[in-house]
Amino acid sequence: KHNQFLTVVSPDQENKQAVWINQDAWFSLANLDAGKELEYKLHGDTGVYIFVLQGKLGVAEQVLDNRDAIGIYDTTSVAVKAHVD
């Protein structure tokens, strides 16, 4: 989806838009325009691993570039902001 998160893998069998996985894990994708900021809400007390396929993203006061990643935990949500499309 454009400028929003789309969950593609989920442990929730009722979510018909996502592939079910027998793990406590969610996989979401987003295609963001430059300047767009989204808030990702973590599921329970799990962490989140954010991986930038292509572009530049601001996350937790860090700037991630192509193929960069960051792990976030001990929070309920994290803001991500696209620096480029």
Protein backbone atom coordinates (compact mmCIF):
# COMPACT_ATOMS: atom_id res chain seq x y z
CA LYS A 1 0.00 0.00 0.00
CA HIS A 2 1.10 3.55 -0.62
CA ASN A 3 1.96 5.69 2.44
CA GLN A 4 0.64 3.14 4.94
CA PHE A 5 1.67 -0.17 6.44
CA LEU A 6 0.35 -3.38 4.91
CA THR A 7 0.66 -6.53 7.03
CA VAL A 8 1.56 -9.42 4.71
CA VAL A 9 2.36 -12.14 7.31
CA SER A 10 0.57 -12.50 10.65
CA PRO A 11 -0.18 -15.04 13.41
CA ASP A 12 -3.84 -13.94 13.21
CA GLN A 13 -5.73 -16.56 11.17
CA GLU A 14 -8.69 -14.15 10.85
CA ASN A 15 -6.61 -11.60 8.90
CA LYS A 16 -7.51 -12.55 5.31
CA GLN A 17 -5.10 -9.98 3.82
CA ALA A 18 -2.05 -11.64 5.38
CA VAL A 19 -0.47 -15.06 5.13
CA TRP A 20 -0.84 -16.96 8.42
CA ILE A 21 2.32 -17.99 10.26
CA ASN A 22 2.51 -20.18 13.37
CA GLN A 23 4.89 -17.72 15.08
CA ASP A 24 4.50 -14.61 17.21
CA ALA A 25 5.64 -12.47 14.25
CA TRP A 26 4.21 -9.89 11.87
CA PHE A 27 5.71 -8.77 8.55
CA SER A 28 4.58 -5.42 7.18
CA LEU A 29 5.58 -3.41 4.11
CA ALA A 30 5.26 0.27 3.25
CA ASN A 31 6.06 2.36 0.18
CA LEU A 32 6.45 5.96 1.39
CA ASP A 33 6.68 9.33 -0.31
CA ALA A 34 9.50 11.65 0.80
CA GLY A 35 8.49 13.49 3.96
CA LYS A 36 5.77 11.00 4.90
CA GLU A 37 5.87 9.86 8.54
CA LEU A 38 4.06 6.82 9.91
CA GLU A 39 3.79 5.35 13.39
CA TYR A 40 4.22 1.59 13.71
CA LYS A 41 2.52 0.09 16.77
CA LEU A 42 4.32 -2.92 18.19
CA HIS A 43 2.35 -6.08 18.98
CA GLY A 44 2.43 -6.82 22.72
CA ASP A 45 5.90 -6.94 24.22
CA THR A 46 7.64 -7.99 21.02
CA GLY A 47 10.25 -5.82 19.34
CA VAL A 48 10.38 -4.71 15.73
CA TYR A 49 13.11 -5.16 13.12
CA ILE A 50 13.01 -2.45 10.45
CA PHE A 51 14.81 -3.08 7.16
CA VAL A 52 15.06 -0.52 4.35
CA LEU A 53 14.91 -2.20 0.96
CA GLN A 54 15.49 1.03 -0.96
CA GLY A 55 15.54 4.68 0.02
CA LYS A 56 16.37 6.60 3.18
CA LEU A 57 14.35 6.38 6.39
CA GLY A 58 14.55 8.14 9.74
CA VAL A 59 13.92 5.80 12.67
CA ALA A 60 14.65 6.36 16.38
CA GLU A 61 16.96 9.33 15.72
CA GLN A 62 18.93 7.23 13.21
CA VAL A 63 19.01 7.53 9.41
CA LEU A 64 18.83 4.23 7.55
CA ASP A 65 19.90 3.94 3.93
CA ASN A 66 19.52 1.17 1.33
CA ARG A 67 19.82 -2.27 2.99
CA ASP A 68 20.23 -0.80 6.51
CA ALA A 69 18.30 -2.21 9.47
CA ILE A 70 17.57 -1.46 13.10
CA GLY A 71 15.99 -3.40 15.97
CA ILE A 72 13.65 -1.54 18.32
CA TYR A 73 12.26 -2.86 21.63
CA ASP A 74 11.02 -1.72 25.06
CA THR A 75 8.46 0.63 23.47
CA THR A 76 4.88 0.46 22.23
CA SER A 77 5.39 2.30 18.94
CA VAL A 78 8.04 3.77 16.68
CA ALA A 79 7.86 6.62 14.16
CA VAL A 80 9.40 6.16 10.72
CA LYS A 81 9.89 9.04 8.29
CA ALA A 82 10.89 8.75 4.64
CA HIS A 83 13.67 11.11 3.58
CA VAL A 84 13.30 10.11 -0.10
CA ASP A 85 10.64 8.23 -2.04
